[in-house]
């Protein structure tokens, strides 16, 4: 099962036993921002970089579901063009 950015952020946060407030403090945002991200708002690129650095993961990893979805669509479109 693939996860969304929000699900990835929440999973990484809970694996480290952090509250939304604690994560927010660590990366310099409000807890409301973390809550919105976990509810499927997409962080801006600056905050994505902060999250990647804090969790020591790539942006690709944080965005995995979106990347997979885009690649699947591109593959499907490419295959349609071949027919």
Protein backbone atom coordinates (compact mmCIF):
# COMPACT_ATOMS: atom_id res chain seq x y z
CA UNK A 1 0.00 0.00 0.00
CA UNK A 2 1.39 3.38 -0.95
CA UNK A 3 1.10 6.35 1.32
CA UNK A 4 0.50 10.04 0.74
CA UNK A 5 2.84 12.81 1.85
CA UNK A 6 0.64 13.42 4.89
CA UNK A 7 0.62 9.76 5.85
CA UNK A 8 4.39 9.59 5.44
CA UNK A 9 4.92 12.65 7.66
CA UNK A 10 2.59 11.27 10.32
CA UNK A 11 4.23 7.83 10.25
CA UNK A 12 7.74 9.28 10.50
CA UNK A 13 6.61 11.55 13.35
CA UNK A 14 4.89 8.81 15.32
CA UNK A 15 7.79 6.36 14.80
CA UNK A 16 9.90 8.90 16.66
CA UNK A 17 7.27 9.37 19.38
CA UNK A 18 6.86 13.05 18.55
CA UNK A 19 3.74 15.13 18.96
CA UNK A 20 2.75 17.53 16.21
CA UNK A 21 3.88 20.34 18.51
CA UNK A 22 7.32 18.77 19.02
CA UNK A 23 7.87 18.24 15.29
CA UNK A 24 6.72 21.78 14.59
CA UNK A 25 9.19 23.17 17.11
CA UNK A 26 12.04 21.11 15.66
CA UNK A 27 11.54 22.42 12.11
CA UNK A 28 10.35 25.94 12.95
CA UNK A 29 6.67 25.88 11.98
CA UNK A 30 3.38 25.93 13.87
CA UNK A 31 1.72 22.74 15.03
CA UNK A 32 -1.24 23.79 12.88
CA UNK A 33 1.02 23.51 9.80
CA UNK A 34 2.02 19.96 10.77
CA UNK A 35 -1.64 19.09 11.35
CA UNK A 36 -2.61 20.44 7.91
CA UNK A 37 0.20 18.48 6.23
CA UNK A 38 -0.95 15.29 7.89
CA UNK A 39 -4.48 16.03 6.68
CA UNK A 40 -3.20 16.17 3.07
CA UNK A 41 -2.08 19.78 2.57
CA UNK A 42 1.25 19.69 0.75
CA UNK A 43 4.13 21.52 2.45
CA UNK A 44 5.96 24.13 0.41
CA UNK A 45 9.39 23.17 -0.92
CA UNK A 46 11.27 24.90 1.92
CA UNK A 47 9.35 22.90 4.52
CA UNK A 48 9.68 19.69 2.49
CA UNK A 49 13.46 20.17 2.63
CA UNK A 50 13.29 20.79 6.39
CA UNK A 51 11.24 17.62 6.86
CA UNK A 52 13.63 15.59 4.72
CA UNK A 53 16.62 16.83 6.68
CA UNK A 54 14.96 16.33 10.04
CA UNK A 55 13.81 12.78 9.23
CA UNK A 56 16.99 12.04 7.25
CA UNK A 57 15.06 10.95 4.17
CA UNK A 58 14.85 12.06 0.57
CA UNK A 59 12.07 14.22 -0.80
CA UNK A 60 11.29 11.32 -3.14
CA UNK A 61 10.63 9.18 -0.07
CA UNK A 62 8.30 11.78 1.45
CA UNK A 63 6.43 12.12 -1.86
CA UNK A 64 6.50 8.43 -2.82
CA UNK A 65 2.79 7.98 -3.55
CA UNK A 66 2.63 11.07 -5.74
CA UNK A 67 5.74 10.01 -7.66
CA UNK A 68 4.42 6.47 -8.19
CA UNK A 69 1.07 7.81 -9.35
CA UNK A 70 2.71 10.18 -11.81
CA UNK A 71 4.99 7.45 -13.15
CA UNK A 72 2.07 5.06 -13.57
CA UNK A 73 0.16 7.72 -15.49
CA UNK A 74 3.16 8.48 -17.70
CA UNK A 75 3.64 4.77 -18.38
CA UNK A 76 -0.02 4.34 -19.21
CA UNK A 77 0.03 7.35 -21.51
CA UNK A 78 3.18 6.10 -23.20
CA UNK A 79 1.67 2.67 -23.73
CA UNK A 80 -1.50 4.22 -25.15
CA UNK A 81 0.58 6.15 -27.67
CA UNK A 82 2.16 2.89 -28.86
CA UNK A 83 -1.17 1.25 -29.70
